[in-house]
PDB file of N, CA and C in Angstrom:
ATOM      1  N   MET A   1       6.818  20.357  -0.831  1.00  0.00           N
ATOM      2  CA  MET A   1       6.469  19.041  -0.353  1.00  0.00           C
ATOM      3  C   MET A   1       5.822  19.186   1.025  1.00  0.00           C
ATOM      4  N   GLU A   2       4.696  18.517   1.199  1.00  0.00           N
ATOM      5  CA  GLU A   2       3.953  18.624   2.439  1.00  0.00           C
ATOM      6  C   GLU A   2       4.441  17.594   3.455  1.00  0.00           C
ATOM      7  N   ILE A   3       4.735  18.071   4.665  1.00  0.00           N
ATOM      8  CA  ILE A   3       5.110  17.205   5.786  1.00  0.00           C
ATOM      9  C   ILE A   3       4.104  17.490   6.892  1.00  0.00           C
ATOM     10  N   LEU A   4       3.189  16.561   7.105  1.00  0.00           N
ATOM     11  CA  LEU A   4       2.126  16.771   8.086  1.00  0.00           C
ATOM     12  C   LEU A   4       2.655  16.578   9.506  1.00  0.00           C
ATOM     13  N   GLN A   5       2.135  17.389  10.426  1.00  0.00           N
ATOM     14  CA  GLN A   5       2.622  17.400  11.799  1.00  0.00           C
ATOM     15  C   GLN A   5       2.068  16.263  12.658  1.00  0.00           C
ATOM     16  N   ASP A   6       1.053  15.563  12.183  1.00  0.00           N
ATOM     17  CA  ASP A   6       0.426  14.514  13.002  1.00  0.00           C
ATOM     18  C   ASP A   6       1.042  13.128  12.768  1.00  0.00           C
ATOM     19  N   ARG A   7       2.205  13.062  12.129  1.00  0.00           N
ATOM     20  CA  ARG A   7       2.806  11.781  11.742  1.00  0.00           C
ATOM     21  C   ARG A   7       4.235  11.652  12.224  1.00  0.00           C
ATOM     22  N   ARG A   8       4.696  10.420  12.170  1.00  0.00           N
ATOM     23  CA  ARG A   8       6.113  10.095  12.347  1.00  0.00           C
ATOM     24  C   ARG A   8       6.578   9.578  10.990  1.00  0.00           C
ATOM     25  N   TYR A   9       7.869   9.758  10.709  1.00  0.00           N
ATOM     26  CA  TYR A   9       8.398   9.459   9.387  1.00  0.00           C
ATOM     27  C   TYR A   9       9.603   8.530   9.465  1.00  0.00           C
ATOM     28  N   GLY A  10       9.669   7.580   8.521  1.00  0.00           N
ATOM     29  CA  GLY A  10      10.777   6.645   8.452  1.00  0.00           C
ATOM     30  C   GLY A  10      11.837   7.096   7.459  1.00  0.00           C
ATOM     31  N   GLU A  11      13.051   6.590   7.649  1.00  0.00           N
ATOM     32  CA  GLU A  11      14.167   6.952   6.767  1.00  0.00           C
ATOM     33  C   GLU A  11      13.925   6.513   5.327  1.00  0.00           C
ATOM     34  N   THR A  12      13.080   5.495   5.129  1.00  0.00           N
ATOM     35  CA  THR A  12      12.790   5.017   3.774  1.00  0.00           C
ATOM     36  C   THR A  12      11.456   5.573   3.274  1.00  0.00           C
ATOM     37  N   HIS A  13      11.030   6.710   3.847  1.00  0.00           N
ATOM     38  CA  HIS A  13       9.923   7.535   3.356  1.00  0.00           C
ATOM     39  C   HIS A  13       8.536   6.931   3.570  1.00  0.00           C
ATOM     40  N   GLU A  14       8.362   6.197   4.666  1.00  0.00           N
ATOM     41  CA  GLU A  14       7.032   5.815   5.096  1.00  0.00           C
ATOM     42  C   GLU A  14       6.570   6.814   6.165  1.00  0.00           C
ATOM     43  N   TRP A  15       5.264   6.852   6.420  1.00  0.00           N
ATOM     44  CA  TRP A  15       4.723   7.639   7.532  1.00  0.00           C
ATOM     45  C   TRP A  15       3.776   6.755   8.321  1.00  0.00           C
ATOM     46  N   TYR A  16       3.535   7.146   9.565  1.00  0.00           N
ATOM     47  CA  TYR A  16       2.477   6.496  10.332  1.00  0.00           C
ATOM     48  C   TYR A  16       1.794   7.491  11.252  1.00  0.00           C
ATOM     49  N   THR A  17       0.519   7.169  11.555  1.00  0.00           N
ATOM     50  CA  THR A  17      -0.251   7.869  12.580  1.00  0.00           C
ATOM     51  C   THR A  17      -0.755   6.816  13.550  1.00  0.00           C
ATOM     52  N   VAL A  18      -1.025   7.234  14.775  1.00  0.00           N
ATOM     53  CA  VAL A  18      -1.520   6.314  15.802  1.00  0.00           C
ATOM     54  C   VAL A  18      -2.818   6.854  16.372  1.00  0.00           C
ATOM     55  N   GLU A  19      -3.809   5.975  16.464  1.00  0.00           N
ATOM     56  CA  GLU A  19      -5.062   6.300  17.134  1.00  0.00           C
ATOM     57  C   GLU A  19      -5.441   5.103  17.989  1.00  0.00           C
ATOM     58  N   ASP A  20      -5.424   5.297  19.302  1.00  0.00           N
ATOM     59  CA  ASP A  20      -5.632   4.217  20.263  1.00  0.00           C
ATOM     60  C   ASP A  20      -4.572   3.137  20.013  1.00  0.00           C
ATOM     61  N   ASP A  21      -4.998   1.910  19.679  1.00  0.00           N
ATOM     62  CA  ASP A  21      -4.016   0.844  19.437  1.00  0.00           C
ATOM     63  C   ASP A  21      -3.907   0.498  17.956  1.00  0.00           C
ATOM     64  N   VAL A  22      -4.329   1.437  17.091  1.00  0.00           N
ATOM     65  CA  VAL A  22      -4.283   1.218  15.640  1.00  0.00           C
ATOM     66  C   VAL A  22      -3.315   2.208  15.006  1.00  0.00           C
ATOM     67  N   ILE A  23      -2.424   1.673  14.179  1.00  0.00           N
ATOM     68  CA  ILE A  23      -1.447   2.490  13.474  1.00  0.00           C
ATOM     69  C   ILE A  23      -1.767   2.410  11.973  1.00  0.00           C
ATOM     70  N   THR A  24      -1.800   3.572  11.317  1.00  0.00           N
ATOM     71  CA  THR A  24      -2.032   3.646   9.875  1.00  0.00           C
ATOM     72  C   THR A  24      -0.705   3.961   9.211  1.00  0.00           C
ATOM     73  N   VAL A  25      -0.395   3.228   8.129  1.00  0.00           N
ATOM     74  CA  VAL A  25       0.897   3.345   7.448  1.00  0.00           C
ATOM     75  C   VAL A  25       0.683   3.766   5.998  1.00  0.00           C
ATOM     76  N   GLY A  26       1.549   4.643   5.516  1.00  0.00           N
ATOM     77  CA  GLY A  26       1.540   5.058   4.119  1.00  0.00           C
ATOM     78  C   GLY A  26       2.937   5.467   3.696  1.00  0.00           C
ATOM     79  N   VAL A  27       3.055   6.009   2.491  1.00  0.00           N
ATOM     80  CA  VAL A  27       4.337   6.532   2.028  1.00  0.00           C
ATOM     81  C   VAL A  27       4.220   8.043   1.876  1.00  0.00           C
ATOM     82  N   THR A  28       5.351   8.710   1.993  1.00  0.00           N
ATOM     83  CA  THR A  28       5.390  10.166   1.913  1.00  0.00           C
ATOM     84  C   THR A  28       5.351  10.637   0.458  1.00  0.00           C
ATOM     85  N   GLU A  29       5.176  11.938   0.290  1.00  0.00           N
ATOM     86  CA  GLU A  29       5.245  12.513  -1.056  1.00  0.00           C
ATOM     87  C   GLU A  29       6.608  12.235  -1.678  1.00  0.00           C
ATOM     88  N   GLN A  30       7.667  12.400  -0.888  1.00  0.00           N
ATOM     89  CA  GLN A  30       9.018  12.122  -1.393  1.00  0.00           C
ATOM     90  C   GLN A  30       9.134  10.654  -1.815  1.00  0.00           C
ATOM     91  N   GLY A  31       8.584   9.754  -1.007  1.00  0.00           N
ATOM     92  CA  GLY A  31       8.641   8.326  -1.325  1.00  0.00           C
ATOM     93  C   GLY A  31       7.944   7.990  -2.627  1.00  0.00           C
ATOM     94  N   GLN A  32       6.758   8.542  -2.828  1.00  0.00           N
ATOM     95  CA  GLN A  32       6.034   8.238  -4.062  1.00  0.00           C
ATOM     96  C   GLN A  32       6.705   8.885  -5.260  1.00  0.00           C
ATOM     97  N   GLU A  33       7.340  10.052  -5.072  1.00  0.00           N
ATOM     98  CA  GLU A  33       8.073  10.675  -6.182  1.00  0.00           C
ATOM     99  C   GLU A  33       9.265   9.814  -6.597  1.00  0.00           C
ATOM    100  N   MET A  34       9.943   9.237  -5.601  1.00  0.00           N
ATOM    101  CA  MET A  34      11.088   8.377  -5.898  1.00  0.00           C
ATOM    102  C   MET A  34      10.650   7.107  -6.623  1.00  0.00           C
ATOM    103  N   LEU A  35       9.476   6.594  -6.263  1.00  0.00           N
ATOM    104  CA  LEU A  35       8.962   5.380  -6.906  1.00  0.00           C
ATOM    105  C   LEU A  35       8.571   5.627  -8.359  1.00  0.00           C
ATOM    106  N   GLY A  36       7.988   6.772  -8.627  1.00  0.00           N
ATOM    107  CA  GLY A  36       7.400   7.007  -9.938  1.00  0.00           C
ATOM    108  C   GLY A  36       5.966   6.516  -9.922  1.00  0.00           C
ATOM    109  N   ASP A  37       5.403   6.268 -11.085  1.00  0.00           N
ATOM    110  CA  ASP A  37       4.003   5.871 -11.185  1.00  0.00           C
ATOM    111  C   ASP A  37       3.792   4.471 -10.610  1.00  0.00           C
ATOM    112  N   VAL A  38       3.043   4.396  -9.508  1.00  0.00           N
ATOM    113  CA  VAL A  38       2.743   3.111  -8.876  1.00  0.00           C
ATOM    114  C   VAL A  38       1.696   2.393  -9.724  1.00  0.00           C
ATOM    115  N   VAL A  39       2.009   1.152 -10.107  1.00  0.00           N
ATOM    116  CA  VAL A  39       1.101   0.382 -10.962  1.00  0.00           C
ATOM    117  C   VAL A  39       0.501  -0.821 -10.243  1.00  0.00           C
ATOM    118  N   PHE A  40       1.044  -1.177  -9.064  1.00  0.00           N
ATOM    119  CA  PHE A  40       0.523  -2.334  -8.324  1.00  0.00           C
ATOM    120  C   PHE A  40       0.924  -2.220  -6.869  1.00  0.00           C
ATOM    121  N   ALA A  41       0.001  -2.560  -5.990  1.00  0.00           N
ATOM    122  CA  ALA A  41       0.275  -2.601  -4.549  1.00  0.00           C
ATOM    123  C   ALA A  41       0.029  -4.022  -4.063  1.00  0.00           C
ATOM    124  N   ASP A  42       1.083  -4.678  -3.614  1.00  0.00           N
ATOM    125  CA  ASP A  42       0.993  -6.031  -3.059  1.00  0.00           C
ATOM    126  C   ASP A  42       0.797  -5.880  -1.554  1.00  0.00           C
ATOM    127  N   LEU A  43      -0.440  -6.070  -1.110  1.00  0.00           N
ATOM    128  CA  LEU A  43      -0.812  -5.823   0.272  1.00  0.00           C
ATOM    129  C   LEU A  43      -0.959  -7.133   1.040  1.00  0.00           C
ATOM    130  N   PRO A  44      -0.730  -7.098   2.349  1.00  0.00           N
ATOM    131  CA  PRO A  44      -0.880  -8.310   3.152  1.00  0.00           C
ATOM    132  C   PRO A  44      -2.354  -8.653   3.335  1.00  0.00           C
ATOM    133  N   ASP A  45      -2.606  -9.826   3.860  1.00  0.00           N
ATOM    134  CA  ASP A  45      -3.970 -10.241   4.173  1.00  0.00           C
ATOM    135  C   ASP A  45      -4.386  -9.657   5.512  1.00  0.00           C
ATOM    136  N   VAL A  46      -5.662  -9.322   5.647  1.00  0.00           N
ATOM    137  CA  VAL A  46      -6.191  -8.921   6.944  1.00  0.00           C
ATOM    138  C   VAL A  46      -6.011 -10.099   7.895  1.00  0.00           C
ATOM    139  N   GLY A  47      -5.531  -9.814   9.083  1.00  0.00           N
ATOM    140  CA  GLY A  47      -5.262 -10.857  10.067  1.00  0.00           C
ATOM    141  C   GLY A  47      -3.831 -11.350  10.070  1.00  0.00           C
ATOM    142  N   GLN A  48      -3.065 -10.976   9.060  1.00  0.00           N
ATOM    143  CA  GLN A  48      -1.665 -11.404   8.957  1.00  0.00           C
ATOM    144  C   GLN A  48      -0.831 -10.711  10.026  1.00  0.00           C
ATOM    145  N   ALA A  49       0.097 -11.442  10.621  1.00  0.00           N
ATOM    146  CA  ALA A  49       1.036 -10.853  11.580  1.00  0.00           C
ATOM    147  C   ALA A  49       2.121 -10.110  10.825  1.00  0.00           C
ATOM    148  N   VAL A  50       2.521  -8.955  11.368  1.00  0.00           N
ATOM    149  CA  VAL A  50       3.606  -8.166  10.796  1.00  0.00           C
ATOM    150  C   VAL A  50       4.610  -7.857  11.897  1.00  0.00           C
ATOM    151  N   SER A  51       5.852  -7.591  11.484  1.00  0.00           N
ATOM    152  CA  SER A  51       6.926  -7.358  12.451  1.00  0.00           C
ATOM    153  C   SER A  51       7.611  -6.030  12.196  1.00  0.00           C
ATOM    154  N   GLU A  52       7.946  -5.354  13.281  1.00  0.00           N
ATOM    155  CA  GLU A  52       8.660  -4.085  13.184  1.00  0.00           C
ATOM    156  C   GLU A  52       9.949  -4.244  12.387  1.00  0.00           C
ATOM    157  N   GLY A  53      10.151  -3.349  11.416  1.00  0.00           N
ATOM    158  CA  GLY A  53      11.357  -3.347  10.608  1.00  0.00           C
ATOM    159  C   GLY A  53      11.312  -4.258   9.397  1.00  0.00           C
ATOM    160  N   ALA A  54      10.287  -5.095   9.300  1.00  0.00           N
ATOM    161  CA  ALA A  54      10.152  -6.022   8.167  1.00  0.00           C
ATOM    162  C   ALA A  54       9.186  -5.434   7.133  1.00  0.00           C
ATOM    163  N   PRO A  55       9.301  -5.868   5.877  1.00  0.00           N
ATOM    164  CA  PRO A  55       8.343  -5.403   4.875  1.00  0.00           C
ATOM    165  C   PRO A  55       6.918  -5.850   5.215  1.00  0.00           C
ATOM    166  N   CYS A  56       5.955  -4.926   5.070  1.00  0.00           N
ATOM    167  CA  CYS A  56       4.553  -5.279   5.308  1.00  0.00           C
ATOM    168  C   CYS A  56       3.708  -5.085   4.054  1.00  0.00           C
ATOM    169  N   ALA A  57       4.290  -4.546   2.999  1.00  0.00           N
ATOM    170  CA  ALA A  57       3.635  -4.384   1.702  1.00  0.00           C
ATOM    171  C   ALA A  57       4.732  -4.099   0.684  1.00  0.00           C
ATOM    172  N   THR A  58       4.391  -4.274  -0.590  1.00  0.00           N
ATOM    173  CA  THR A  58       5.329  -3.952  -1.663  1.00  0.00           C
ATOM    174  C   THR A  58       4.599  -3.108  -2.697  1.00  0.00           C
ATOM    175  N   LEU A  59       5.230  -2.024  -3.104  1.00  0.00           N
ATOM    176  CA  LEU A  59       4.678  -1.164  -4.143  1.00  0.00           C
ATOM    177  C   LEU A  59       5.514  -1.331  -5.393  1.00  0.00           C
ATOM    178  N   GLU A  60       4.835  -1.586  -6.501  1.00  0.00           N
ATOM    179  CA  GLU A  60       5.532  -1.739  -7.774  1.00  0.00           C
ATOM    180  C   GLU A  60       5.221  -0.539  -8.651  1.00  0.00           C
ATOM    181  N   SER A  61       6.268  -0.005  -9.251  1.00  0.00           N
ATOM    182  CA  SER A  61       6.102   1.140 -10.142  1.00  0.00           C
ATOM    183  C   SER A  61       6.727   0.805 -11.485  1.00  0.00           C
ATOM    184  N   VAL A  62       6.644   1.757 -12.380  1.00  0.00           N
ATOM    185  CA  VAL A  62       7.272   1.553 -13.685  1.00  0.00           C
ATOM    186  C   VAL A  62       8.790   1.516 -13.546  1.00  0.00           C
ATOM    187  N   LYS A  63       9.325   2.051 -12.435  1.00  0.00           N
ATOM    188  CA  LYS A  63      10.774   2.076 -12.211  1.00  0.00           C
ATOM    189  C   LYS A  63      11.277   0.840 -11.474  1.00  0.00           C
ATOM    190  N   ALA A  64      10.565   0.428 -10.414  1.00  0.00           N
ATOM    191  CA  ALA A  64      11.085  -0.629  -9.539  1.00  0.00           C
ATOM    192  C   ALA A  64      10.000  -1.075  -8.573  1.00  0.00           C
ATOM    193  N   ALA A  65      10.330  -2.077  -7.775  1.00  0.00           N
ATOM    194  CA  ALA A  65       9.472  -2.497  -6.668  1.00  0.00           C
ATOM    195  C   ALA A  65      10.149  -2.045  -5.376  1.00  0.00           C
ATOM    196  N   SER A  66       9.339  -1.623  -4.427  1.00  0.00           N
ATOM    197  CA  SER A  66       9.882  -1.120  -3.173  1.00  0.00           C
ATOM    198  C   SER A  66       9.051  -1.648  -2.009  1.00  0.00           C
ATOM    199  N   ASP A  67       9.747  -2.131  -0.981  1.00  0.00           N
ATOM    200  CA  ASP A  67       9.063  -2.615   0.212  1.00  0.00           C
ATOM    201  C   ASP A  67       8.658  -1.450   1.100  1.00  0.00           C
ATOM    202  N   VAL A  68       7.512  -1.603   1.737  1.00  0.00           N
ATOM    203  CA  VAL A  68       7.055  -0.676   2.765  1.00  0.00           C
ATOM    204  C   VAL A  68       7.392  -1.342   4.097  1.00  0.00           C
ATOM    205  N   LEU A  69       8.218  -0.657   4.900  1.00  0.00           N
ATOM    206  CA  LEU A  69       8.653  -1.238   6.165  1.00  0.00           C
ATOM    207  C   LEU A  69       7.645  -0.965   7.266  1.00  0.00           C
ATOM    208  N   CYS A  70       7.452  -1.955   8.117  1.00  0.00           N
ATOM    209  CA  CYS A  70       6.478  -1.897   9.189  1.00  0.00           C
ATOM    210  C   CYS A  70       7.077  -1.222  10.425  1.00  0.00           C
ATOM    211  N   PRO A  71       6.369  -0.270  11.024  1.00  0.00           N
ATOM    212  CA  PRO A  71       6.899   0.424  12.191  1.00  0.00           C
ATOM    213  C   PRO A  71       6.587  -0.243  13.527  1.00  0.00           C
ATOM    214  N   VAL A  72       5.901  -1.393  13.507  1.00  0.00           N
ATOM    215  CA  VAL A  72       5.444  -1.978  14.766  1.00  0.00           C
ATOM    216  C   VAL A  72       5.125  -3.465  14.571  1.00  0.00           C
ATOM    217  N   ASP A  73       5.231  -4.221  15.643  1.00  0.00           N
ATOM    218  CA  ASP A  73       4.714  -5.595  15.629  1.00  0.00           C
ATOM    219  C   ASP A  73       3.202  -5.515  15.768  1.00  0.00           C
ATOM    220  N   GLY A  74       2.500  -6.422  15.095  1.00  0.00           N
ATOM    221  CA  GLY A  74       1.054  -6.413  15.243  1.00  0.00           C
ATOM    222  C   GLY A  74       0.363  -7.286  14.222  1.00  0.00           C
ATOM    223  N   GLU A  75      -0.924  -7.005  14.059  1.00  0.00           N
ATOM    224  CA  GLU A  75      -1.777  -7.760  13.143  1.00  0.00           C
ATOM    225  C   GLU A  75      -2.463  -6.790  12.195  1.00  0.00           C
ATOM    226  N   VAL A  76      -2.477  -7.148  10.912  1.00  0.00           N
ATOM    227  CA  VAL A  76      -3.128  -6.295   9.913  1.00  0.00           C
ATOM    228  C   VAL A  76      -4.629  -6.281  10.200  1.00  0.00           C
ATOM    229  N   LEU A  77      -5.129  -5.077  10.447  1.00  0.00           N
ATOM    230  CA  LEU A  77      -6.531  -4.879  10.780  1.00  0.00           C
ATOM    231  C   LEU A  77      -7.350  -4.541   9.538  1.00  0.00           C
ATOM    232  N   GLU A  78      -6.725  -3.777   8.627  1.00  0.00           N
ATOM    233  CA  GLU A  78      -7.423  -3.313   7.428  1.00  0.00           C
ATOM    234  C   GLU A  78      -6.393  -2.955   6.367  1.00  0.00           C
ATOM    235  N   ILE A  79      -6.744  -3.202   5.118  1.00  0.00           N
ATOM    236  CA  ILE A  79      -5.922  -2.735   4.001  1.00  0.00           C
ATOM    237  C   ILE A  79      -6.747  -1.735   3.205  1.00  0.00           C
ATOM    238  N   ASN A  80      -6.076  -0.873   2.470  1.00  0.00           N
ATOM    239  CA  ASN A  80      -6.769   0.086   1.617  1.00  0.00           C
ATOM    240  C   ASN A  80      -7.157  -0.630   0.328  1.00  0.00           C
ATOM    241  N   GLU A  81      -8.360  -1.189   0.325  1.00  0.00           N
ATOM    242  CA  GLU A  81      -8.822  -1.976  -0.822  1.00  0.00           C
ATOM    243  C   GLU A  81      -8.904  -1.165  -2.103  1.00  0.00           C
ATOM    244  N   ALA A  82      -9.021   0.141  -1.997  1.00  0.00           N
ATOM    245  CA  ALA A  82      -9.074   1.000  -3.187  1.00  0.00           C
ATOM    246  C   ALA A  82      -7.792   0.886  -4.001  1.00  0.00           C
ATOM    247  N   LEU A  83      -6.681   0.539  -3.339  1.00  0.00           N
ATOM    248  CA  LEU A  83      -5.402   0.427  -4.049  1.00  0.00           C
ATOM    249  C   LEU A  83      -5.369  -0.766  -4.998  1.00  0.00           C
ATOM    250  N   GLU A  84      -6.227  -1.758  -4.769  1.00  0.00           N
ATOM    251  CA  GLU A  84      -6.241  -2.927  -5.649  1.00  0.00           C
ATOM    252  C   GLU A  84      -6.654  -2.537  -7.064  1.00  0.00           C
ATOM    253  N   ASP A  85      -7.638  -1.640  -7.179  1.00  0.00           N
ATOM    254  CA  ASP A  85      -8.096  -1.187  -8.494  1.00  0.00           C
ATOM    255  C   ASP A  85      -7.431   0.121  -8.929  1.00  0.00           C
ATOM    256  N   SER A  86      -6.967   0.898  -7.960  1.00  0.00           N
ATOM    257  CA  SER A  86      -6.408   2.218  -8.255  1.00  0.00           C
ATOM    258  C   SER A  86      -5.120   2.459  -7.477  1.00  0.00           C
ATOM    259  N   PRO A  87      -4.045   1.726  -7.796  1.00  0.00           N
ATOM    260  CA  PRO A  87      -2.789   1.931  -7.063  1.00  0.00           C
ATOM    261  C   PRO A  87      -2.228   3.339  -7.242  1.00  0.00           C
ATOM    262  N   GLU A  88      -2.678   4.037  -8.269  1.00  0.00           N
ATOM    263  CA  GLU A  88      -2.203   5.404  -8.502  1.00  0.00           C
ATOM    264  C   GLU A  88      -2.651   6.374  -7.404  1.00  0.00           C
ATOM    265  N   LEU A  89      -3.564   5.956  -6.521  1.00  0.00           N
ATOM    266  CA  LEU A  89      -3.929   6.789  -5.382  1.00  0.00           C
ATOM    267  C   LEU A  89      -2.696   7.139  -4.547  1.00  0.00           C
ATOM    268  N   ILE A  90      -1.707   6.243  -4.552  1.00  0.00           N
ATOM    269  CA  ILE A  90      -0.474   6.505  -3.811  1.00  0.00           C
ATOM    270  C   ILE A  90       0.255   7.703  -4.415  1.00  0.00           C
ATOM    271  N   ASN A  91       0.211   7.849  -5.737  1.00  0.00           N
ATOM    272  CA  ASN A  91       0.825   9.014  -6.384  1.00  0.00           C
ATOM    273  C   ASN A  91      -0.056  10.253  -6.244  1.00  0.00           C
ATOM    274  N   ASP A  92      -1.367  10.060  -6.376  1.00  0.00           N
ATOM    275  CA  ASP A  92      -2.290  11.194  -6.370  1.00  0.00           C
ATOM    276  C   ASP A  92      -2.447  11.815  -4.986  1.00  0.00           C
ATOM    277  N   ASP A  93      -2.481  10.995  -3.932  1.00  0.00           N
ATOM    278  CA  ASP A  93      -2.771  11.493  -2.586  1.00  0.00           C
ATOM    279  C   ASP A  93      -2.117  10.583  -1.543  1.00  0.00           C
ATOM    280  N   PRO A  94      -0.772  10.562  -1.482  1.00  0.00           N
ATOM    281  CA  PRO A  94      -0.088   9.615  -0.603  1.00  0.00           C
ATOM    282  C   PRO A  94      -0.318   9.856   0.881  1.00  0.00           C
ATOM    283  N   LEU A  95      -0.711  11.075   1.260  1.00  0.00           N
ATOM    284  CA  LEU A  95      -0.847  11.401   2.676  1.00  0.00           C
ATOM    285  C   LEU A  95      -2.262  11.225   3.211  1.00  0.00           C
ATOM    286  N   ASP A  96      -3.197  10.857   2.336  1.00  0.00           N
ATOM    287  CA  ASP A  96      -4.582  10.708   2.783  1.00  0.00           C
ATOM    288  C   ASP A  96      -5.224   9.483   2.131  1.00  0.00           C
ATOM    289  N   GLU A  97      -5.806   9.651   0.951  1.00  0.00           N
ATOM    290  CA  GLU A  97      -6.518   8.557   0.289  1.00  0.00           C
ATOM    291  C   GLU A  97      -5.604   7.390  -0.092  1.00  0.00           C
ATOM    292  N   GLY A  98      -4.311   7.640  -0.204  1.00  0.00           N
ATOM    293  CA  GLY A  98      -3.361   6.602  -0.601  1.00  0.00           C
ATOM    294  C   GLY A  98      -2.727   5.856   0.567  1.00  0.00           C
ATOM    295  N   TRP A  99      -3.339   5.914   1.768  1.00  0.00           N
ATOM    296  CA  TRP A  99      -2.806   5.132   2.882  1.00  0.00           C
ATOM    297  C   TRP A  99      -2.767   3.660   2.477  1.00  0.00           C
ATOM    298  N   ILE A 100      -1.933   2.870   3.140  1.00  0.00           N
ATOM    299  CA  ILE A 100      -1.711   1.494   2.698  1.00  0.00           C
ATOM    300  C   ILE A 100      -2.389   0.460   3.595  1.00  0.00           C
ATOM    301  N   LEU A 101      -2.116   0.520   4.888  1.00  0.00           N
ATOM    302  CA  LEU A 101      -2.726  -0.467   5.783  1.00  0.00           C
ATOM    303  C   LEU A 101      -2.834   0.063   7.194  1.00  0.00           C
ATOM    304  N   LYS A 102      -3.687  -0.618   7.969  1.00  0.00           N
ATOM    305  CA  LYS A 102      -3.866  -0.314   9.382  1.00  0.00           C
ATOM    306  C   LYS A 102      -3.522  -1.580  10.159  1.00  0.00           C
ATOM    307  N   ILE A 103      -2.807  -1.369  11.263  1.00  0.00           N
ATOM    308  CA  ILE A 103      -2.303  -2.489  12.064  1.00  0.00           C
ATOM    309  C   ILE A 103      -2.742  -2.305  13.508  1.00  0.00           C
ATOM    310  N   ARG A 104      -3.253  -3.386  14.115  1.00  0.00           N
ATOM    311  CA  ARG A 104      -3.492  -3.371  15.553  1.00  0.00           C
ATOM    312  C   ARG A 104      -2.144  -3.635  16.208  1.00  0.00           C
ATOM    313  N   MET A 105      -1.665  -2.640  16.959  1.00  0.00           N
ATOM    314  CA  MET A 105      -0.315  -2.693  17.504  1.00  0.00           C
ATOM    315  C   MET A 105      -0.208  -3.652  18.685  1.00  0.00           C
ATOM    316  N   GLU A 106       0.953  -4.282  18.757  1.00  0.00           N
ATOM    317  CA  GLU A 106       1.365  -5.026  19.934  1.00  0.00           C
ATOM    318  C   GLU A 106       2.596  -4.289  20.458  1.00  0.00           C
ATOM    319  N   GLY A 107       2.431  -3.517  21.518  1.00  0.00           N
ATOM    320  CA  GLY A 107       3.539  -2.718  22.022  1.00  0.00           C
ATOM    321  C   GLY A 107       3.577  -1.359  21.365  1.00  0.00           C
ATOM    322  N   GLN A 108       4.711  -0.711  21.483  1.00  0.00           N
ATOM    323  CA  GLN A 108       4.884   0.646  20.976  1.00  0.00           C
ATOM    324  C   GLN A 108       5.553   0.631  19.598  1.00  0.00           C
ATOM    325  N   PRO A 109       5.166   1.574  18.729  1.00  0.00           N
ATOM    326  CA  PRO A 109       5.808   1.652  17.415  1.00  0.00           C
ATOM    327  C   PRO A 109       7.241   2.159  17.526  1.00  0.00           C
ATOM    328  N   ALA A 110       8.000   1.893  16.497  1.00  0.00           N
ATOM    329  CA  ALA A 110       9.371   2.392  16.414  1.00  0.00           C
ATOM    330  C   ALA A 110       9.349   3.913  16.519  1.00  0.00           C
ATOM    331  N   GLU A 111      10.360   4.469  17.106  1.00  0.00           N
ATOM    332  CA  GLU A 111      10.451   5.918  17.290  1.00  0.00           C
ATOM    333  C   GLU A 111      11.018   6.550  16.021  1.00  0.00           C
ATOM    334  N   TRP A 112      10.178   6.672  15.005  1.00  0.00           N
ATOM    335  CA  TRP A 112      10.602   7.270  13.755  1.00  0.00           C
ATOM    336  C   TRP A 112      10.775   8.777  13.936  1.00  0.00           C
ATOM    337  N   MET A 113      11.171   9.452  12.882  1.00  0.00           N
ATOM    338  CA  MET A 113      11.475  10.876  12.934  1.00  0.00           C
ATOM    339  C   MET A 113      10.224  11.734  13.122  1.00  0.00           C
ATOM    340  N   SER A 114      10.426  12.842  13.828  1.00  0.00           N
ATOM    341  CA  SER A 114       9.383  13.860  13.928  1.00  0.00           C
ATOM    342  C   SER A 114       9.275  14.551  12.561  1.00  0.00           C
ATOM    343  N   PRO A 115       8.206  15.312  12.342  1.00  0.00           N
ATOM    344  CA  PRO A 115       8.112  16.065  11.083  1.00  0.00           C
ATOM    345  C   PRO A 115       9.318  16.972  10.844  1.00  0.00           C
ATOM    346  N   ASP A 116       9.801  17.651  11.898  1.00  0.00           N
ATOM    347  CA  ASP A 116      10.964  18.531  11.739  1.00  0.00           C
ATOM    348  C   ASP A 116      12.216  17.743  11.378  1.00  0.00           C
ATOM    349  N   GLU A 117      12.413  16.613  12.033  1.00  0.00           N
ATOM    350  CA  GLU A 117      13.587  15.778  11.738  1.00  0.00           C
ATOM    351  C   GLU A 117      13.525  15.256  10.303  1.00  0.00           C
ATOM    352  N   TYR A 118      12.335  14.843   9.863  1.00  0.00           N
ATOM    353  CA  TYR A 118      12.176  14.350   8.495  1.00  0.00           C
ATOM    354  C   TYR A 118      12.488  15.465   7.494  1.00  0.00           C
ATOM    355  N   GLY A 119      11.980  16.659   7.760  1.00  0.00           N
ATOM    356  CA  GLY A 119      12.247  17.800   6.887  1.00  0.00           C
ATOM    357  C   GLY A 119      13.730  18.089   6.777  1.00  0.00           C
ATOM    358  N   ARG A 120      14.436  18.027   7.906  1.00  0.00           N
ATOM    359  CA  ARG A 120      15.892  18.252   7.875  1.00  0.00           C
ATOM    360  C   ARG A 120      16.600  17.163   7.081  1.00  0.00           C
ATOM    361  N   MET A 121      16.128  15.904   7.205  1.00  0.00           N
ATOM    362  CA  MET A 121      16.742  14.820   6.434  1.00  0.00           C
ATOM    363  C   MET A 121      16.566  15.074   4.928  1.00  0.00           C
ATOM    364  N   LEU A 122      15.368  15.501   4.533  1.00  0.00           N
ATOM    365  CA  LEU A 122      15.137  15.786   3.113  1.00  0.00           C
ATOM    366  C   LEU A 122      16.028  16.929   2.636  1.00  0.00           C
ATOM    367  N   GLU A 123      16.162  17.964   3.445  1.00  0.00           N
ATOM    368  CA  GLU A 123      17.017  19.092   3.059  1.00  0.00           C
ATOM    369  C   GLU A 123      18.470  18.684   2.907  1.00  0.00           C
ATOM    370  N   SER A 124      18.931  17.755   3.753  1.00  0.00           N
ATOM    371  CA  SER A 124      20.335  17.351   3.698  1.00  0.00           C
ATOM    372  C   SER A 124      20.627  16.459   2.503  1.00  0.00           C
ATOM    373  N   THR A 125      19.610  15.885   1.888  1.00  0.00           N
ATOM    374  CA  THR A 125      19.834  15.003   0.733  1.00  0.00           C
ATOM    375  C   THR A 125      19.604  15.722  -0.584  1.00  0.00           C
ATOM    376  N   ASP A 126      19.186  16.991  -0.516  1.00  0.00           N
ATOM    377  CA  ASP A 126      18.974  17.765  -1.763  1.00  0.00           C
ATOM    378  C   ASP A 126      20.267  18.083  -2.447  1.00  0.00           C
TER     379      ASP A 126
END
């Protein structure tokens, strides 16, 4: 399982990267494996306000629906429109092409786990 060093990781298997005041959010390989085949991505509207710790998107799979938790307060700047026609991108490439949304941050993002901390969490749950 790939854990990229340029990200922070959430306990519920989301990741984020930060560039200037924009944060990009997605799910990890472990997260998409737990979901199973993603068949629908319910994404917020561009311009919608989001809150740290609250759901900012919902992914539906053949197994269940799962909320994607937001790591920061802010406004949705962009959604991955490719997911509307091809939600399976989350399964095929969750760390790159399967990103979910970009948010213009208000303040600092939650201090999620470092790559090493996330790796240790995964090892402890095996």
